[in-house]
Amino acid sequence: MLNAVRTCLRTDARKRSKNVRLNKSTEKKKPELKTLPVFQYPVSDAKDHRIYVWGMAEHGALGTLKQTFHMEGVAYMPRPKRLSFGERHRITDITCGYGFTAFAVHSKDKNILYGSGINTDSQLGFNEMDKKFPSDLIIEPRPITLPTKESSTKVIDIAAGRAHLLVLTNEGLFTLGNNAYGQCGRPVIENENYSKSEVVHHIADIKGKKIKAVTAGQDHSILLTESGEVYTFGWGADGQTGLAHYHNEHRPSLVKGDLAGQHIIKVACVADCVLALSDKGKVFGWGNSEYGQLLTAKENHQVNIATELNQLKELGHISDIASGGCFCMILNNEGDVYIWGYGILGFGPEVKSVLQPTQIPSILFGKNAYEKNSKVIKIFCGLSHLAALTNTGDLYMWGCNKFGSLGLGHLNHQYFPLKVTVGAQVKKVACGVDHTVSLCKPFI
């Protein structure tokens, strides 16, 4: 009996020893845990701005020729590209002319404005470094010299026309470029040579009234004062100066008509049809109405005096306006977008002309059962392409897609609003003829 007990104990001991060896063997086979690297991503400052560009790049208006596509030898970008220039400078505002772009910069020195693109008429000023750029095409942003007096001068607003530039600063207004019709606010000089010109005209104020904002048409200019008055000068053949005549005018002159007694807060124009918005949500217009942009009688194609667009009163309080080459667009406080005129308006490929303001369905701007609070808060346009910005920072574009100026990744025209993939929250859009620039804030 004692021998049997001893045998059992030895057997148990061998089993325990075997289990211990198995456990140790198993532990050795377990992979050792490694300490994973910790990546510290930079946190964006709330004041940071980013610039995204797309469309025609050949003329240099996008500020870079890198990573471009080519069609028949012409460089273009069909999708938004982050411009490295915007990383090195604190951009505060943007504007697009006909093949050129100007960037306002918050700076501690006098380089408060940069530009790139077509410079045949010195609309971007003259700089000695331009010698390295052929054919008057500035292919990367470079400083635009302004004759400012103070080192603390800041750009308040900028606007670009076909070949002229308006720069509003706290020292007043500076104008550059072509002045063939008086659009720079100075007397016209016959046969003036604008190439490599260093002429920069300065307008301190308008009859003692401070200028608040600037707008540029194709070949005319519009100034808005702090008191809500509108002054215009330049080409007037289509009534776009609103001065009750069709002559050119180089002196800033007050627009009257239905604007009398109104406080205007915004003016919109990219060609020869002008819209003005009052603080009461009323809309006024003047200029070319060949396609019914001003909702006038068919025979009245050129309106040379400010006229209230009474048909818009039924659409609620208007909060934003935009005027393209042959169409107009408005936005009310509810976020509803209305458009009329001629072109690709956003109602599909079959609709080319709309005579009365017609709403683009809100669902096309992202409003649905899951995004009930989404709505459009700003609208923009070029000659033939349009844009809408929502309260979530999303950008929708539609219209003619010259050289990918809609940023949708292809060159086909877009017949209804479509969301553009931009890697940041869009705050402002500037539309040229065939290129687009956006001022954005990073996602925080």
Protein backbone atom coordinates (compact mmCIF):
# COMPACT_ATOMS: atom_id res chain seq x y z
CA MET A 1 0.00 0.00 0.00
CA LEU A 2 2.79 2.41 0.89
CA ASN A 3 4.54 1.67 -2.42
CA ALA A 4 1.33 2.44 -4.32
CA VAL A 5 1.01 5.85 -2.60
CA ARG A 6 4.64 6.68 -3.40
CA THR A 7 4.08 5.75 -7.08
CA CYS A 8 1.05 8.07 -7.27
CA LEU A 9 3.00 10.94 -5.70
CA ARG A 10 5.87 10.49 -8.17
CA THR A 11 3.42 10.44 -11.07
CA ASP A 12 1.74 13.70 -9.86
CA ALA A 13 5.15 15.31 -9.43
CA ARG A 14 6.15 14.42 -12.99
CA LYS A 15 2.85 15.84 -14.33
CA ARG A 16 3.34 19.10 -12.41
CA SER A 17 6.93 19.34 -13.66
CA LYS A 18 5.77 18.72 -17.23
CA ASN A 19 3.06 21.39 -16.92
CA VAL A 20 5.60 23.88 -15.60
CA ARG A 21 7.87 23.21 -18.58
CA LEU A 22 4.92 23.56 -20.98
CA ASN A 23 3.91 26.86 -19.38
CA LYS A 24 7.44 28.20 -19.64
CA SER A 25 7.64 27.10 -23.26
CA THR A 26 4.33 28.80 -23.99
CA GLU A 27 5.46 32.01 -22.31
CA LYS A 28 8.56 32.09 -24.46
CA LYS A 29 6.45 31.85 -27.60
CA LYS A 30 4.32 34.93 -26.69
CA PRO A 31 5.43 37.99 -28.71
CA GLU A 32 6.98 40.77 -26.75
CA LEU A 33 4.91 43.95 -26.60
CA LYS A 34 6.69 46.86 -28.28
CA THR A 35 6.21 50.50 -27.41
CA LEU A 36 4.47 52.14 -30.36
CA PRO A 37 5.69 55.57 -31.51
CA VAL A 38 3.60 58.58 -30.54
CA PHE A 39 3.02 61.10 -33.32
CA GLN A 40 2.42 64.72 -32.35
CA TYR A 41 0.30 66.38 -35.03
CA PRO A 42 0.39 70.18 -35.27
CA VAL A 43 -2.69 71.91 -33.94
CA SER A 44 -4.00 74.59 -36.27
CA ASP A 45 -4.45 78.06 -34.91
CA ALA A 46 -7.89 79.62 -35.29
CA LYS A 47 -6.30 82.47 -37.25
CA ASP A 48 -4.64 80.17 -39.79
CA HIS A 49 -5.79 80.53 -43.39
CA ARG A 50 -5.23 78.17 -46.26
CA ILE A 51 -5.50 78.78 -49.98
CA TYR A 52 -6.87 76.16 -52.39
CA VAL A 53 -6.76 76.76 -56.15
CA TRP A 54 -8.10 75.03 -59.26
CA GLY A 55 -8.83 75.61 -62.93
CA MET A 56 -6.60 77.16 -65.58
CA ALA A 57 -2.95 77.28 -64.47
CA GLU A 58 -1.13 78.18 -67.68
CA HIS A 59 -1.46 81.95 -67.15
CA GLY A 60 -0.07 81.69 -63.60
CA ALA A 61 -3.24 82.84 -61.80
CA LEU A 62 -3.17 79.75 -59.55
CA GLY A 63 0.26 80.72 -58.25
CA THR A 64 1.92 77.44 -59.27
CA LEU A 65 2.49 75.20 -62.27
CA LYS A 66 3.39 72.14 -60.19
CA GLN A 67 1.30 68.95 -60.30
CA THR A 68 -0.82 70.19 -63.18
CA PHE A 69 -2.57 68.28 -65.96
CA HIS A 70 -2.18 69.25 -69.59
CA MET A 71 -4.70 69.50 -72.40
CA GLU A 72 -3.39 70.52 -75.82
CA GLY A 73 -0.32 71.92 -74.10
CA VAL A 74 -2.30 74.01 -71.59
CA ALA A 75 -1.73 73.40 -67.87
CA TYR A 76 -4.75 73.12 -65.58
CA MET A 77 -5.85 71.71 -62.22
CA PRO A 78 -9.22 69.91 -62.19
CA ARG A 79 -9.26 69.49 -58.40
CA PRO A 80 -8.52 71.85 -55.48
CA LYS A 81 -4.82 72.04 -54.67
CA ARG A 82 -3.39 73.55 -51.53
CA LEU A 83 -1.15 76.46 -52.47
CA SER A 84 2.11 76.44 -50.52
CA PHE A 85 2.25 80.24 -50.71
CA GLY A 86 -0.68 80.30 -48.34
CA GLU A 87 1.33 78.33 -45.77
CA ARG A 88 4.11 80.90 -45.70
CA HIS A 89 1.86 83.96 -45.48
CA ARG A 90 -1.22 84.86 -43.51
CA ILE A 91 -3.73 85.50 -46.27
CA THR A 92 -6.66 87.74 -45.33
CA ASP A 93 -8.45 88.22 -48.67
CA ILE A 94 -8.45 87.11 -52.31
CA THR A 95 -9.78 88.32 -55.65
CA CYS A 96 -9.67 86.94 -59.19
CA GLY A 97 -9.53 88.99 -62.38
CA TYR A 98 -9.39 87.84 -65.97
CA GLY A 99 -6.45 85.46 -65.69
CA PHE A 100 -4.84 86.92 -62.58
CA THR A 101 -5.20 86.72 -58.80
CA ALA A 102 -4.37 89.08 -55.95
CA PHE A 103 -3.77 88.00 -52.35
CA ALA A 104 -4.04 90.37 -49.37
CA VAL A 105 -1.55 89.46 -46.64
CA HIS A 106 -1.32 90.35 -42.96
CA SER A 107 2.29 91.45 -42.74
CA LYS A 108 4.59 93.46 -40.50
CA ASP A 109 6.31 95.03 -43.50
CA LYS A 110 5.01 96.80 -46.62
CA ASN A 111 4.44 93.56 -48.52
CA ILE A 112 0.73 93.50 -47.78
CA LEU A 113 -0.35 92.47 -51.29
CA TYR A 114 0.83 89.76 -53.68
CA GLY A 115 -0.27 88.79 -57.16
CA SER A 116 0.22 86.23 -59.90
CA GLY A 117 -1.06 85.65 -63.43
CA ILE A 118 -1.50 87.86 -66.48
CA ASN A 119 0.21 91.24 -66.08
CA THR A 120 0.09 92.71 -69.59
CA ASP A 121 -1.47 95.95 -68.32
CA SER A 122 0.44 96.11 -65.02
CA GLN A 123 -2.71 95.16 -63.15
CA LEU A 124 -0.32 93.47 -60.72
CA GLY A 125 2.02 96.44 -60.71
CA PHE A 126 5.63 96.33 -61.82
CA ASN A 127 8.42 94.52 -60.02
CA GLU A 128 12.05 94.07 -61.02
CA MET A 129 11.78 90.34 -60.41
CA ASP A 130 9.28 90.15 -63.32
CA LYS A 131 12.23 89.91 -65.69
CA LYS A 132 12.45 86.20 -64.94
CA PHE A 133 8.85 85.67 -66.07
CA PRO A 134 8.29 85.57 -69.87
CA SER A 135 5.34 87.07 -71.77
CA ASP A 136 4.08 89.13 -68.81
CA LEU A 137 2.87 86.00 -67.05
CA ILE A 138 3.69 86.00 -63.34
CA ILE A 139 3.60 82.28 -62.56
CA GLU A 140 4.10 82.57 -58.80
CA PRO A 141 2.88 85.15 -56.25
CA ARG A 142 5.19 88.12 -55.84
CA PRO A 143 4.73 91.43 -53.97
CA ILE A 144 2.66 94.24 -55.47
CA THR A 145 4.23 97.55 -54.49
CA LEU A 146 1.85 100.20 -53.19
CA PRO A 147 2.96 103.78 -52.36
CA THR A 148 1.79 103.54 -48.75
CA LYS A 149 3.06 105.97 -46.13
CA GLU A 150 2.73 103.87 -43.00
CA SER A 151 4.40 100.55 -42.22
CA SER A 152 1.21 99.45 -40.45
CA THR A 153 -1.02 99.79 -43.53
CA LYS A 154 -3.56 96.99 -43.93
CA VAL A 155 -5.67 95.85 -46.87
CA ILE A 156 -9.39 96.19 -46.12
CA ASP A 157 -10.84 94.97 -49.43
CA ILE A 158 -9.70 94.08 -52.96
CA ALA A 159 -11.45 93.64 -56.30
CA ALA A 160 -10.24 92.75 -59.80
CA GLY A 161 -11.70 93.54 -63.21
CA ARG A 162 -10.63 92.48 -66.68
CA ALA A 163 -7.28 94.27 -66.48
CA HIS A 164 -7.42 96.54 -63.45
CA LEU A 165 -7.14 96.10 -59.70
CA LEU A 166 -8.72 97.98 -56.78
CA VAL A 167 -6.99 97.84 -53.40
CA LEU A 168 -8.72 99.44 -50.42
CA THR A 169 -6.49 100.11 -47.41
CA ASN A 170 -6.75 102.12 -44.22
CA GLU A 171 -4.85 104.82 -46.17
CA GLY A 172 -7.51 104.93 -48.88
CA LEU A 173 -7.95 103.31 -52.29
CA PHE A 174 -5.13 102.37 -54.67
CA THR A 175 -5.86 101.49 -58.32
CA LEU A 176 -3.60 99.73 -60.82
CA GLY A 177 -3.73 98.56 -64.43
CA ASN A 178 -5.70 99.52 -67.51
CA ASN A 179 -7.42 102.92 -67.39
CA ALA A 180 -8.64 103.13 -70.99
CA TYR A 181 -12.19 103.95 -69.80
CA GLY A 182 -11.32 105.73 -66.55
CA GLN A 183 -11.84 102.58 -64.45
CA CYS A 184 -8.83 103.45 -62.29
CA GLY A 185 -10.40 106.76 -61.30
CA ARG A 186 -7.94 109.04 -63.11
CA PRO A 187 -8.14 110.98 -66.41
CA VAL A 188 -7.78 108.86 -69.53
CA ILE A 189 -4.50 109.32 -71.42
CA GLU A 190 -4.79 108.52 -75.12
CA ASN A 191 -2.52 105.67 -76.27
CA GLU A 192 -1.17 105.17 -72.75
CA ASN A 193 1.25 102.25 -72.55
CA TYR A 194 0.28 100.07 -69.58
CA SER A 195 3.03 97.50 -70.02
CA LYS A 196 5.57 97.61 -67.19
CA SER A 197 3.85 100.69 -65.81
CA GLU A 198 4.58 101.85 -62.27
CA VAL A 199 1.54 104.14 -62.13
CA VAL A 200 -0.57 103.58 -59.00
CA HIS A 201 -3.43 105.99 -58.47
CA HIS A 202 -4.55 106.93 -54.96
CA ILE A 203 -8.02 108.05 -53.83
CA ALA A 204 -8.03 109.03 -50.16
CA ASP A 205 -11.82 109.25 -49.77
CA ILE A 206 -14.96 110.30 -51.60
CA LYS A 207 -15.87 113.89 -50.74
CA GLY A 208 -14.76 113.33 -47.17
CA LYS A 209 -16.62 110.02 -46.90
CA LYS A 210 -14.68 106.92 -46.00
CA ILE A 211 -14.73 104.03 -48.48
CA LYS A 212 -15.94 100.76 -46.97
CA ALA A 213 -15.75 98.23 -49.84
CA VAL A 214 -14.82 97.97 -53.53
CA THR A 215 -16.26 96.04 -56.48
CA ALA A 216 -14.89 95.71 -60.00
CA GLY A 217 -16.88 95.07 -63.14
CA GLN A 218 -15.27 94.17 -66.42
CA ASP A 219 -14.06 97.70 -67.17
CA HIS A 220 -15.67 99.83 -64.47
CA SER A 221 -15.35 100.26 -60.71
CA ILE A 222 -17.75 100.63 -57.80
CA LEU A 223 -17.09 102.10 -54.36
CA LEU A 224 -19.29 101.68 -51.28
CA THR A 225 -18.97 104.25 -48.50
CA GLU A 226 -19.52 103.74 -44.77
CA SER A 227 -22.66 105.85 -45.07
CA GLY A 228 -24.14 103.30 -47.53
CA GLU A 229 -23.71 105.39 -50.70
CA VAL A 230 -22.48 103.97 -54.02
CA TYR A 231 -20.02 105.71 -56.35
CA THR A 232 -19.00 104.44 -59.80
CA PHE A 233 -16.57 105.26 -62.62
CA GLY A 234 -15.26 103.68 -65.83
CA TRP A 235 -16.96 102.13 -68.87
CA GLY A 236 -20.63 103.10 -69.12
CA ALA A 237 -21.84 102.02 -72.58
CA ASP A 238 -24.30 99.49 -71.10
CA GLY A 239 -25.42 101.73 -68.24
CA GLN A 240 -23.22 99.84 -65.77
CA THR A 241 -22.13 103.03 -64.01
CA GLY A 242 -25.77 103.81 -63.17
CA LEU A 243 -25.21 107.54 -63.67
CA ALA A 244 -28.24 108.09 -65.94
CA HIS A 245 -26.07 108.21 -69.08
CA TYR A 246 -24.03 105.86 -71.25
CA HIS A 247 -20.73 107.75 -71.28
CA ASN A 248 -17.43 106.81 -69.69
CA GLU A 249 -16.58 108.59 -66.44
CA HIS A 250 -13.21 108.69 -64.67
CA ARG A 251 -14.38 110.64 -61.60
CA PRO A 252 -16.15 108.64 -58.85
CA SER A 253 -19.77 109.80 -59.11
CA LEU A 254 -22.78 109.13 -56.91
CA VAL A 255 -25.38 106.61 -58.09
CA LYS A 256 -28.88 107.94 -57.43
CA GLY A 257 -32.18 106.70 -58.84
CA ASP A 258 -33.89 104.26 -56.46
CA LEU A 259 -30.76 104.21 -54.28
CA ALA A 260 -31.64 107.64 -52.93
CA GLY A 261 -32.25 107.36 -49.20
CA GLN A 262 -31.13 103.71 -49.08
CA HIS A 263 -28.26 102.31 -47.00
CA ILE A 264 -26.42 99.87 -49.27
CA ILE A 265 -24.35 97.15 -47.60
CA LYS A 266 -23.09 95.19 -50.62
CA VAL A 267 -22.57 95.58 -54.37
CA ALA A 268 -22.02 92.64 -56.76
CA CYS A 269 -20.69 92.66 -60.34
CA VAL A 270 -18.20 90.74 -62.49
CA ALA A 271 -19.11 92.08 -65.94
CA ASP A 272 -21.63 94.79 -66.90
CA CYS A 273 -24.72 94.06 -64.77
CA VAL A 274 -24.73 95.41 -61.19
CA LEU A 275 -26.76 94.39 -58.13
CA ALA A 276 -26.87 96.35 -54.88
CA LEU A 277 -28.25 95.12 -51.53
CA SER A 278 -29.66 97.39 -48.83
CA ASP A 279 -29.70 96.87 -45.07
CA LYS A 280 -33.47 96.30 -45.39
CA GLY A 281 -32.95 93.30 -47.67
CA LYS A 282 -33.99 95.16 -50.82
CA VAL A 283 -32.20 94.58 -54.15
CA PHE A 284 -31.45 97.21 -56.79
CA GLY A 285 -29.84 96.85 -60.20
CA TRP A 286 -28.50 98.66 -63.26
CA GLY A 287 -26.48 97.94 -66.39
CA ASN A 288 -26.86 95.23 -69.02
CA SER A 289 -30.18 93.36 -68.98
CA GLU A 290 -29.94 91.62 -72.33
CA TYR A 291 -30.94 88.30 -70.77
CA GLY A 292 -33.48 89.69 -68.35
CA GLN A 293 -31.02 90.01 -65.47
CA LEU A 294 -32.75 93.13 -64.16
CA LEU A 295 -36.27 91.74 -64.63
CA THR A 296 -37.20 94.63 -66.92
CA ALA A 297 -39.34 94.80 -70.03
CA LYS A 298 -37.87 92.93 -73.00
CA GLU A 299 -37.14 96.11 -74.96
CA ASN A 300 -35.18 97.69 -72.10
CA HIS A 301 -31.78 95.95 -72.34
CA GLN A 302 -29.59 98.72 -70.95
CA VAL A 303 -30.63 100.28 -67.65
CA ASN A 304 -28.53 103.34 -66.83
CA ILE A 305 -30.10 104.22 -63.47
CA ALA A 306 -30.47 102.29 -60.21
CA THR A 307 -33.81 100.49 -60.22
CA GLU A 308 -35.39 98.44 -57.43
CA LEU A 309 -36.18 94.83 -58.39
CA ASN A 310 -39.67 94.75 -56.91
CA GLN A 311 -40.30 91.14 -57.98
CA LEU A 312 -37.87 89.99 -55.29
CA LYS A 313 -39.92 91.39 -52.40
CA GLU A 314 -41.98 88.19 -52.21
CA LEU A 315 -38.87 86.06 -51.64
CA GLY A 316 -38.17 87.24 -48.09
CA HIS A 317 -35.30 89.25 -46.66
CA ILE A 318 -32.41 89.02 -49.13
CA SER A 319 -29.06 88.46 -47.41
CA ASP A 320 -26.63 88.02 -50.33
CA ILE A 321 -26.36 88.79 -54.05
CA ALA A 322 -24.24 87.74 -57.04
CA SER A 323 -24.22 88.90 -60.66
CA GLY A 324 -22.55 86.93 -63.46
CA GLY A 325 -22.05 87.42 -67.17
CA CYS A 326 -25.71 86.86 -68.13
CA PHE A 327 -27.49 85.78 -64.94
CA CYS A 328 -28.20 86.97 -61.40
CA MET A 329 -28.45 85.06 -58.13
CA ILE A 330 -29.80 85.96 -54.68
CA LEU A 331 -29.92 84.33 -51.25
CA ASN A 332 -32.54 84.95 -48.55
CA ASN A 333 -32.31 84.58 -44.77
CA GLU A 334 -33.78 81.08 -44.94
CA GLY A 335 -30.87 79.88 -47.04
CA ASP A 336 -32.92 79.66 -50.25
CA VAL A 337 -31.03 80.31 -53.48
CA TYR A 338 -32.85 81.90 -56.44
CA ILE A 339 -31.44 82.43 -59.92
CA TRP A 340 -32.57 83.81 -63.28
CA GLY A 341 -31.09 84.81 -66.64
CA TYR A 342 -29.28 82.73 -69.24
CA GLY A 343 -26.69 79.94 -69.10
CA ILE A 344 -26.12 76.81 -67.03
CA LEU A 345 -28.21 77.91 -64.07
CA GLY A 346 -28.48 74.73 -62.00
CA PHE A 347 -31.78 73.29 -63.25
CA GLY A 348 -30.38 70.54 -65.47
CA PRO A 349 -29.10 70.39 -69.08
CA GLU A 350 -32.43 71.25 -70.67
CA VAL A 351 -32.93 74.62 -68.96
CA LYS A 352 -30.86 77.40 -70.51
CA SER A 353 -33.04 80.41 -69.76
CA VAL A 354 -35.16 81.41 -66.75
CA LEU A 355 -37.11 84.65 -66.93
CA GLN A 356 -38.22 84.85 -63.28
CA PRO A 357 -36.30 84.18 -60.04
CA THR A 358 -36.52 80.42 -59.50
CA GLN A 359 -35.35 78.50 -56.46
CA ILE A 360 -32.73 75.78 -56.70
CA PRO A 361 -33.95 72.94 -54.42
CA SER A 362 -32.25 73.08 -51.00
CA ILE A 363 -31.59 69.35 -51.11
CA LEU A 364 -28.99 70.03 -53.81
CA PHE A 365 -27.02 71.99 -51.21
CA GLY A 366 -26.97 69.15 -48.68
CA LYS A 367 -30.14 69.85 -46.71
CA ASN A 368 -31.96 66.59 -45.92
CA ALA A 369 -33.51 64.55 -43.09
CA TYR A 370 -30.06 63.97 -41.58
CA GLU A 371 -28.77 67.53 -42.11
CA LYS A 372 -31.86 69.60 -41.29
CA ASN A 373 -29.86 72.62 -40.14
CA SER A 374 -27.62 72.79 -43.19
CA LYS A 375 -28.18 75.89 -45.32
CA VAL A 376 -26.45 78.20 -47.76
CA ILE A 377 -24.99 81.34 -46.17
CA LYS A 378 -22.98 82.92 -49.04
CA ILE A 379 -23.09 82.91 -52.83
CA PHE A 380 -20.43 83.73 -55.44
CA CYS A 381 -20.03 83.62 -59.21
CA GLY A 382 -17.76 84.31 -62.16
CA LEU A 383 -18.79 85.06 -65.72
CA SER A 384 -20.20 81.57 -66.25
CA HIS A 385 -19.69 79.45 -63.13
CA LEU A 386 -21.40 79.68 -59.76
CA ALA A 387 -20.72 78.76 -56.14
CA ALA A 388 -22.62 78.46 -52.86
CA LEU A 389 -21.17 78.10 -49.37
CA THR A 390 -23.00 76.42 -46.49
CA ASN A 391 -22.87 77.04 -42.74
CA THR A 392 -20.78 73.88 -42.37
CA GLY A 393 -18.05 75.22 -44.67
CA ASP A 394 -19.04 73.00 -47.60
CA LEU A 395 -18.67 74.37 -51.12
CA TYR A 396 -21.05 73.59 -53.98
CA MET A 397 -20.33 74.63 -57.57
CA TRP A 398 -22.03 74.40 -60.96
CA GLY A 399 -22.01 76.00 -64.42
CA CYS A 400 -19.38 76.11 -67.16
CA ASN A 401 -16.31 74.09 -66.27
CA LYS A 402 -13.56 75.79 -68.26
CA PHE A 403 -10.27 74.01 -67.58
CA GLY A 404 -11.70 72.40 -64.45
CA SER A 405 -12.67 75.71 -62.84
CA LEU A 406 -15.43 73.91 -60.87
CA GLY A 407 -12.88 71.73 -59.04
CA LEU A 408 -14.84 68.52 -59.63
CA GLY A 409 -11.96 66.49 -61.08
CA HIS A 410 -13.19 66.57 -64.69
CA LEU A 411 -13.80 69.05 -67.52
CA ASN A 412 -17.51 68.45 -68.11
CA HIS A 413 -20.04 71.21 -67.48
CA GLN A 414 -22.08 70.77 -64.29
CA TYR A 415 -25.83 71.29 -64.65
CA PHE A 416 -26.80 71.29 -60.97
CA PRO A 417 -24.90 72.13 -57.74
CA LEU A 418 -22.35 69.52 -56.70
CA LYS A 419 -20.16 69.43 -53.60
CA VAL A 420 -16.48 70.17 -54.15
CA THR A 421 -13.95 68.19 -52.14
CA VAL A 422 -11.80 70.78 -50.40
CA GLY A 423 -9.61 69.70 -47.49
CA ALA A 424 -10.65 72.58 -45.25
CA GLN A 425 -13.60 74.77 -44.28
CA VAL A 426 -14.24 77.22 -47.11
CA LYS A 427 -14.76 80.84 -46.03
CA LYS A 428 -14.63 82.73 -49.33
CA VAL A 429 -14.49 81.93 -53.03
CA ALA A 430 -13.15 84.13 -55.84
CA CYS A 431 -14.12 83.17 -59.39
CA GLY A 432 -12.13 84.26 -62.43
CA VAL A 433 -13.04 83.52 -66.03
CA ASP A 434 -11.41 80.09 -66.01
CA HIS A 435 -9.92 79.68 -62.54
CA THR A 436 -11.10 79.65 -58.93
CA VAL A 437 -9.36 80.48 -55.66
CA SER A 438 -10.73 79.76 -52.18
CA LEU A 439 -9.80 81.15 -48.77
CA CYS A 440 -10.21 78.42 -46.14
CA LYS A 441 -9.69 77.63 -42.48
CA PRO A 442 -8.36 74.27 -41.33
CA PHE A 443 -10.54 71.76 -39.54
CA ILE A 444 -9.77 72.14 -35.82
